[in-house]
Amino acid sequence: MRTPRSLLALTGAVVALALSAASPASADSAVLIAGGAAVAVGDVLNASLAGGTSATLYSSATGTSGVSCTSSAFTATVTDNPAAPGTATESLTGHTFTSSSCTSNVTGVLGVTSITIDNLPYTTTVASDGTLTVTPAAGSTIRTTATLRTLLGTITCVYQAPSLTGRADNADNSLTFTNQQFTKASGSSLCFANGYFTAKYAPVTDTSQPGNPVVSVN
């Protein structure tokens, strides 16, 4: 007996629907993508300063007086990577500055001994629209400590901020912070009252995948 075409069509549609439901979501449905695949929870992301750029902490948003470093890098672990549009979450576990690459043009300062990021880890969120937000643990602050050599000896300048905001850009797989304000928590009179942090890190790569592919935001 011939099976009516309408029944065959219905059966085919049901099978196709079942297969679709059983298949995993495509890679480009996740917020963070690397190497054509969704970045997995637990993957470690890394980036250094974009070539030819510096990370700066200046005393004003429009000035050029402060500290500048040509070598800096961050490391973060992905803790959530939902479907896009959405917001991925990372744990920022490392943020370093190579002291030998740092200089200061502040009057009375002879050199930079170290710059450290305190109170790690921080929580970092990356939204599908490219908005990046860095926040500390509850009851804490984002804090950086600059140890400087001066005419009067070594001084320590501590700066803090409640959070930082940046931008992710798929054009060069970068993360950029522009004039993010810190206020002085402690330090001598040679430590400026406010610090404005600017830096561009690129490319961001997924070091947990073969070949360390670049990371895009979807």
C-alpha atoms as a PDB file:
ATOM      1  CA  MET A   1       0.000   0.000   0.000  1.00  0.00           C
ATOM      2  CA  ARG A   2       1.385   3.480  -0.933  1.00  0.00           C
ATOM      3  CA  THR A   3       2.054   5.803   1.901  1.00  0.00           C
ATOM      4  CA  PRO A   4       0.453   9.176   1.209  1.00  0.00           C
ATOM      5  CA  ARG A   5       2.939  11.925   0.447  1.00  0.00           C
ATOM      6  CA  SER A   6       1.521  14.082   3.210  1.00  0.00           C
ATOM      7  CA  LEU A   7       2.352  11.370   5.749  1.00  0.00           C
ATOM      8  CA  LEU A   8       5.899  11.039   4.405  1.00  0.00           C
ATOM      9  CA  ALA A   9       6.388  14.792   4.586  1.00  0.00           C
ATOM     10  CA  LEU A  10       5.091  14.887   8.137  1.00  0.00           C
ATOM     11  CA  THR A  11       7.381  12.029   9.169  1.00  0.00           C
ATOM     12  CA  GLY A  12      10.388  13.782   7.622  1.00  0.00           C
ATOM     13  CA  ALA A  13       9.570  17.015   9.416  1.00  0.00           C
ATOM     14  CA  VAL A  14       9.296  15.235  12.759  1.00  0.00           C
ATOM     15  CA  VAL A  15      12.681  13.513  12.231  1.00  0.00           C
ATOM     16  CA  ALA A  16      14.336  16.794  11.244  1.00  0.00           C
ATOM     17  CA  LEU A  17      12.898  18.512  14.286  1.00  0.00           C
ATOM     18  CA  ALA A  18      14.119  15.729  16.570  1.00  0.00           C
ATOM     19  CA  LEU A  19      17.634  15.901  15.114  1.00  0.00           C
ATOM     20  CA  SER A  20      17.681  19.666  15.481  1.00  0.00           C
ATOM     21  CA  ALA A  21      16.659  19.445  19.115  1.00  0.00           C
ATOM     22  CA  ALA A  22      19.325  16.847  19.825  1.00  0.00           C
ATOM     23  CA  SER A  23      22.141  18.808  18.167  1.00  0.00           C
ATOM     24  CA  PRO A  24      24.248  21.207  20.221  1.00  0.00           C
ATOM     25  CA  ALA A  25      23.957  24.928  19.589  1.00  0.00           C
ATOM     26  CA  SER A  26      26.251  26.249  16.888  1.00  0.00           C
ATOM     27  CA  ALA A  27      29.520  27.759  18.042  1.00  0.00           C
ATOM     28  CA  ASP A  28      28.583  31.266  16.972  1.00  0.00           C
ATOM     29  CA  SER A  29      25.638  31.269  19.390  1.00  0.00           C
ATOM     30  CA  ALA A  30      27.961  31.817  22.367  1.00  0.00           C
ATOM     31  CA  VAL A  31      29.159  35.227  23.551  1.00  0.00           C
ATOM     32  CA  LEU A  32      32.862  34.318  23.374  1.00  0.00           C
ATOM     33  CA  ILE A  33      34.154  32.553  20.253  1.00  0.00           C
ATOM     34  CA  ALA A  34      37.666  31.320  19.490  1.00  0.00           C
ATOM     35  CA  GLY A  35      38.894  29.196  16.607  1.00  0.00           C
ATOM     36  CA  GLY A  36      35.356  28.750  15.295  1.00  0.00           C
ATOM     37  CA  ALA A  37      34.146  27.250  18.577  1.00  0.00           C
ATOM     38  CA  ALA A  38      32.515  28.524  21.725  1.00  0.00           C
ATOM     39  CA  VAL A  39      35.088  29.269  24.404  1.00  0.00           C
ATOM     40  CA  ALA A  40      34.696  26.616  27.091  1.00  0.00           C
ATOM     41  CA  VAL A  41      34.178  27.335  30.762  1.00  0.00           C
ATOM     42  CA  GLY A  42      37.585  26.924  32.386  1.00  0.00           C
ATOM     43  CA  ASP A  43      39.538  28.156  29.357  1.00  0.00           C
ATOM     44  CA  VAL A  44      42.307  30.629  30.135  1.00  0.00           C
ATOM     45  CA  LEU A  45      42.416  33.879  28.164  1.00  0.00           C
ATOM     46  CA  ASN A  46      45.530  35.994  27.880  1.00  0.00           C
ATOM     47  CA  ALA A  47      46.622  39.256  26.255  1.00  0.00           C
ATOM     48  CA  SER A  48      49.559  41.654  26.329  1.00  0.00           C
ATOM     49  CA  LEU A  49      49.618  45.317  25.402  1.00  0.00           C
ATOM     50  CA  ALA A  50      48.860  45.987  21.761  1.00  0.00           C
ATOM     51  CA  GLY A  51      52.016  46.513  19.751  1.00  0.00           C
ATOM     52  CA  GLY A  52      53.455  49.996  19.968  1.00  0.00           C
ATOM     53  CA  THR A  53      51.208  51.061  22.871  1.00  0.00           C
ATOM     54  CA  SER A  54      51.743  51.776  26.557  1.00  0.00           C
ATOM     55  CA  ALA A  55      49.700  51.400  29.717  1.00  0.00           C
ATOM     56  CA  THR A  56      49.554  54.734  31.490  1.00  0.00           C
ATOM     57  CA  LEU A  57      48.460  56.036  34.873  1.00  0.00           C
ATOM     58  CA  TYR A  58      48.365  59.810  34.525  1.00  0.00           C
ATOM     59  CA  SER A  59      47.463  62.453  37.076  1.00  0.00           C
ATOM     60  CA  SER A  60      44.635  63.812  34.918  1.00  0.00           C
ATOM     61  CA  ALA A  61      42.415  62.636  32.088  1.00  0.00           C
ATOM     62  CA  THR A  62      43.990  65.098  29.656  1.00  0.00           C
ATOM     63  CA  GLY A  63      47.555  65.281  30.989  1.00  0.00           C
ATOM     64  CA  THR A  64      50.721  63.285  30.347  1.00  0.00           C
ATOM     65  CA  SER A  65      52.296  63.374  33.805  1.00  0.00           C
ATOM     66  CA  GLY A  66      52.494  60.077  35.657  1.00  0.00           C
ATOM     67  CA  VAL A  67      53.668  56.528  35.026  1.00  0.00           C
ATOM     68  CA  SER A  68      53.923  54.723  31.682  1.00  0.00           C
ATOM     69  CA  CYS A  69      54.726  51.033  30.988  1.00  0.00           C
ATOM     70  CA  THR A  70      55.370  49.378  27.641  1.00  0.00           C
ATOM     71  CA  SER A  71      54.989  45.804  28.943  1.00  0.00           C
ATOM     72  CA  SER A  72      51.834  44.544  30.666  1.00  0.00           C
ATOM     73  CA  ALA A  73      49.597  41.482  30.422  1.00  0.00           C
ATOM     74  CA  PHE A  74      46.497  39.931  31.939  1.00  0.00           C
ATOM     75  CA  THR A  75      45.211  36.402  32.497  1.00  0.00           C
ATOM     76  CA  ALA A  76      41.558  35.481  33.022  1.00  0.00           C
ATOM     77  CA  THR A  77      39.609  32.229  33.368  1.00  0.00           C
ATOM     78  CA  VAL A  78      36.189  31.919  31.730  1.00  0.00           C
ATOM     79  CA  THR A  79      33.508  31.060  34.305  1.00  0.00           C
ATOM     80  CA  ASP A  80      30.388  31.417  32.136  1.00  0.00           C
ATOM     81  CA  ASN A  81      29.842  31.722  28.378  1.00  0.00           C
ATOM     82  CA  PRO A  82      26.107  31.755  27.634  1.00  0.00           C
ATOM     83  CA  ALA A  83      24.307  32.016  24.312  1.00  0.00           C
ATOM     84  CA  ALA A  84      24.434  35.357  22.538  1.00  0.00           C
ATOM     85  CA  PRO A  85      23.184  37.935  22.962  1.00  0.00           C
ATOM     86  CA  GLY A  86      24.221  37.768  26.580  1.00  0.00           C
ATOM     87  CA  THR A  87      27.041  38.390  29.025  1.00  0.00           C
ATOM     88  CA  ALA A  88      30.072  36.162  29.543  1.00  0.00           C
ATOM     89  CA  THR A  89      31.872  36.096  32.881  1.00  0.00           C
ATOM     90  CA  GLU A  90      35.558  35.675  33.652  1.00  0.00           C
ATOM     91  CA  SER A  91      37.759  35.635  36.732  1.00  0.00           C
ATOM     92  CA  LEU A  92      40.692  38.002  36.298  1.00  0.00           C
ATOM     93  CA  THR A  93      43.459  36.130  38.105  1.00  0.00           C
ATOM     94  CA  GLY A  94      46.537  38.006  36.920  1.00  0.00           C
ATOM     95  CA  HIS A  95      47.394  41.515  35.754  1.00  0.00           C
ATOM     96  CA  THR A  96      51.097  42.351  35.595  1.00  0.00           C
ATOM     97  CA  PHE A  97      53.364  45.239  34.646  1.00  0.00           C
ATOM     98  CA  THR A  98      57.051  44.696  33.886  1.00  0.00           C
ATOM     99  CA  SER A  99      58.789  47.240  36.100  1.00  0.00           C
ATOM    100  CA  SER A 100      61.821  47.530  33.806  1.00  0.00           C
ATOM    101  CA  SER A 101      59.491  48.821  31.085  1.00  0.00           C
ATOM    102  CA  CYS A 102      57.981  51.503  33.322  1.00  0.00           C
ATOM    103  CA  THR A 103      59.047  55.136  33.533  1.00  0.00           C
ATOM    104  CA  SER A 104      57.772  58.223  35.327  1.00  0.00           C
ATOM    105  CA  ASN A 105      57.991  61.897  34.449  1.00  0.00           C
ATOM    106  CA  VAL A 106      56.662  63.133  37.794  1.00  0.00           C
ATOM    107  CA  THR A 107      58.907  65.818  39.281  1.00  0.00           C
ATOM    108  CA  GLY A 108      61.096  64.311  41.983  1.00  0.00           C
ATOM    109  CA  VAL A 109      60.573  60.695  40.842  1.00  0.00           C
ATOM    110  CA  LEU A 110      63.714  58.926  39.600  1.00  0.00           C
ATOM    111  CA  GLY A 111      62.212  55.602  38.541  1.00  0.00           C
ATOM    112  CA  VAL A 112      59.619  52.877  38.995  1.00  0.00           C
ATOM    113  CA  THR A 113      60.438  49.948  41.280  1.00  0.00           C
ATOM    114  CA  SER A 114      57.173  48.057  40.786  1.00  0.00           C
ATOM    115  CA  ILE A 115      53.498  48.283  39.941  1.00  0.00           C
ATOM    116  CA  THR A 116      51.264  45.604  41.392  1.00  0.00           C
ATOM    117  CA  ILE A 117      47.552  44.882  41.165  1.00  0.00           C
ATOM    118  CA  ASP A 118      46.079  44.007  44.548  1.00  0.00           C
ATOM    119  CA  ASN A 119      42.922  42.234  45.754  1.00  0.00           C
ATOM    120  CA  LEU A 120      42.801  39.737  42.881  1.00  0.00           C
ATOM    121  CA  PRO A 121      40.838  37.958  41.565  1.00  0.00           C
ATOM    122  CA  TYR A 122      38.364  40.389  40.040  1.00  0.00           C
ATOM    123  CA  THR A 123      35.161  39.509  38.210  1.00  0.00           C
ATOM    124  CA  THR A 124      35.078  40.553  34.569  1.00  0.00           C
ATOM    125  CA  THR A 125      31.938  40.586  32.451  1.00  0.00           C
ATOM    126  CA  VAL A 126      31.837  40.943  28.664  1.00  0.00           C
ATOM    127  CA  ALA A 127      28.495  41.727  27.020  1.00  0.00           C
ATOM    128  CA  SER A 128      27.573  41.016  23.406  1.00  0.00           C
ATOM    129  CA  ASP A 129      27.665  44.764  22.672  1.00  0.00           C
ATOM    130  CA  GLY A 130      31.349  44.838  23.665  1.00  0.00           C
ATOM    131  CA  THR A 131      30.930  46.427  27.091  1.00  0.00           C
ATOM    132  CA  LEU A 132      33.544  45.174  29.549  1.00  0.00           C
ATOM    133  CA  THR A 133      33.204  45.648  33.308  1.00  0.00           C
ATOM    134  CA  VAL A 134      35.724  44.733  36.002  1.00  0.00           C
ATOM    135  CA  THR A 135      34.546  44.545  39.613  1.00  0.00           C
ATOM    136  CA  PRO A 136      36.228  43.429  42.858  1.00  0.00           C
ATOM    137  CA  ALA A 137      34.865  41.031  45.440  1.00  0.00           C
ATOM    138  CA  ALA A 138      32.131  42.362  47.712  1.00  0.00           C
ATOM    139  CA  GLY A 139      33.533  44.769  50.285  1.00  0.00           C
ATOM    140  CA  SER A 140      36.779  45.197  48.346  1.00  0.00           C
ATOM    141  CA  THR A 141      38.169  47.607  45.740  1.00  0.00           C
ATOM    142  CA  ILE A 142      40.219  47.443  42.584  1.00  0.00           C
ATOM    143  CA  ARG A 143      43.604  48.564  43.830  1.00  0.00           C
ATOM    144  CA  THR A 144      47.032  49.197  42.383  1.00  0.00           C
ATOM    145  CA  THR A 145      50.245  49.927  44.248  1.00  0.00           C
ATOM    146  CA  ALA A 146      53.069  51.877  42.637  1.00  0.00           C
ATOM    147  CA  THR A 147      56.469  51.809  44.335  1.00  0.00           C
ATOM    148  CA  LEU A 148      58.624  54.678  43.125  1.00  0.00           C
ATOM    149  CA  ARG A 149      62.233  55.795  43.641  1.00  0.00           C
ATOM    150  CA  THR A 150      62.432  59.479  44.487  1.00  0.00           C
ATOM    151  CA  LEU A 151      64.936  62.080  45.603  1.00  0.00           C
ATOM    152  CA  LEU A 152      63.638  61.482  49.140  1.00  0.00           C
ATOM    153  CA  GLY A 153      63.872  57.690  48.967  1.00  0.00           C
ATOM    154  CA  THR A 154      61.338  55.002  48.063  1.00  0.00           C
ATOM    155  CA  ILE A 155      57.647  55.897  48.276  1.00  0.00           C
ATOM    156  CA  THR A 156      54.520  53.791  47.880  1.00  0.00           C
ATOM    157  CA  CYS A 157      51.408  55.185  46.198  1.00  0.00           C
ATOM    158  CA  VAL A 158      48.184  53.198  46.555  1.00  0.00           C
ATOM    159  CA  TYR A 159      45.249  53.908  44.245  1.00  0.00           C
ATOM    160  CA  GLN A 160      41.790  52.359  44.222  1.00  0.00           C
ATOM    161  CA  ALA A 161      38.580  52.321  42.172  1.00  0.00           C
ATOM    162  CA  PRO A 162      35.155  50.732  42.717  1.00  0.00           C
ATOM    163  CA  SER A 163      35.132  49.262  39.185  1.00  0.00           C
ATOM    164  CA  LEU A 164      36.545  49.665  35.685  1.00  0.00           C
ATOM    165  CA  THR A 165      34.792  49.860  32.328  1.00  0.00           C
ATOM    166  CA  GLY A 166      36.326  49.027  28.957  1.00  0.00           C
ATOM    167  CA  ARG A 167      35.473  47.973  25.417  1.00  0.00           C
ATOM    168  CA  ALA A 168      36.019  44.766  23.449  1.00  0.00           C
ATOM    169  CA  ASP A 169      36.606  45.236  19.710  1.00  0.00           C
ATOM    170  CA  ASN A 170      36.492  42.382  17.205  1.00  0.00           C
ATOM    171  CA  ALA A 171      38.380  44.433  14.601  1.00  0.00           C
ATOM    172  CA  ASP A 172      41.647  43.589  16.344  1.00  0.00           C
ATOM    173  CA  ASN A 173      40.406  41.282  19.144  1.00  0.00           C
ATOM    174  CA  SER A 174      41.298  43.917  21.704  1.00  0.00           C
ATOM    175  CA  LEU A 175      40.232  45.154  25.118  1.00  0.00           C
ATOM    176  CA  THR A 176      40.643  48.880  25.751  1.00  0.00           C
ATOM    177  CA  PHE A 177      40.463  50.948  28.927  1.00  0.00           C
ATOM    178  CA  THR A 178      40.383  54.721  28.578  1.00  0.00           C
ATOM    179  CA  ASN A 179      40.923  57.203  31.421  1.00  0.00           C
ATOM    180  CA  GLN A 180      39.568  54.939  34.130  1.00  0.00           C
ATOM    181  CA  GLN A 181      39.785  56.960  37.331  1.00  0.00           C
ATOM    182  CA  PHE A 182      41.549  55.805  40.482  1.00  0.00           C
ATOM    183  CA  THR A 183      41.781  57.876  43.662  1.00  0.00           C
ATOM    184  CA  LYS A 184      44.756  57.909  46.013  1.00  0.00           C
ATOM    185  CA  ALA A 185      44.144  55.737  49.068  1.00  0.00           C
ATOM    186  CA  SER A 186      47.530  56.369  50.662  1.00  0.00           C
ATOM    187  CA  GLY A 187      50.992  57.722  49.876  1.00  0.00           C
ATOM    188  CA  SER A 188      53.249  60.728  50.166  1.00  0.00           C
ATOM    189  CA  SER A 189      52.660  64.193  48.731  1.00  0.00           C
ATOM    190  CA  LEU A 190      54.599  63.111  45.635  1.00  0.00           C
ATOM    191  CA  CYS A 191      51.748  60.692  44.825  1.00  0.00           C
ATOM    192  CA  PHE A 192      49.199  62.489  42.656  1.00  0.00           C
ATOM    193  CA  ALA A 193      45.653  62.667  44.031  1.00  0.00           C
ATOM    194  CA  ASN A 194      44.028  60.823  41.104  1.00  0.00           C
ATOM    195  CA  GLY A 195      45.256  58.300  38.592  1.00  0.00           C
ATOM    196  CA  TYR A 196      43.684  57.841  35.159  1.00  0.00           C
ATOM    197  CA  PHE A 197      44.393  54.415  33.652  1.00  0.00           C
ATOM    198  CA  THR A 198      44.545  53.885  29.886  1.00  0.00           C
ATOM    199  CA  ALA A 199      45.645  50.695  28.110  1.00  0.00           C
ATOM    200  CA  LYS A 200      44.874  48.548  25.076  1.00  0.00           C
ATOM    201  CA  TYR A 201      45.439  44.785  25.189  1.00  0.00           C
ATOM    202  CA  ALA A 202      45.483  42.839  21.917  1.00  0.00           C
ATOM    203  CA  PRO A 203      45.012  40.279  20.691  1.00  0.00           C
ATOM    204  CA  VAL A 204      43.095  38.376  23.358  1.00  0.00           C
ATOM    205  CA  THR A 205      43.760  34.664  22.864  1.00  0.00           C
ATOM    206  CA  ASP A 206      42.401  31.408  24.252  1.00  0.00           C
ATOM    207  CA  THR A 207      45.499  29.642  25.543  1.00  0.00           C
ATOM    208  CA  SER A 208      43.494  26.486  26.330  1.00  0.00           C
ATOM    209  CA  GLN A 209      42.786  25.763  22.654  1.00  0.00           C
ATOM    210  CA  PRO A 210      45.379  24.437  20.182  1.00  0.00           C
ATOM    211  CA  GLY A 211      47.152  27.261  18.412  1.00  0.00           C
ATOM    212  CA  ASN A 212      45.930  29.892  20.903  1.00  0.00           C
ATOM    213  CA  PRO A 213      43.174  31.285  18.638  1.00  0.00           C
ATOM    214  CA  VAL A 214      42.019  34.878  19.042  1.00  0.00           C
ATOM    215  CA  VAL A 215      38.813  35.553  20.948  1.00  0.00           C
ATOM    216  CA  SER A 216      35.853  37.419  19.468  1.00  0.00           C
ATOM    217  CA  VAL A 217      32.702  38.719  21.145  1.00  0.00           C
ATOM    218  CA  ASN A 218      29.386  37.660  19.642  1.00  0.00           C
END
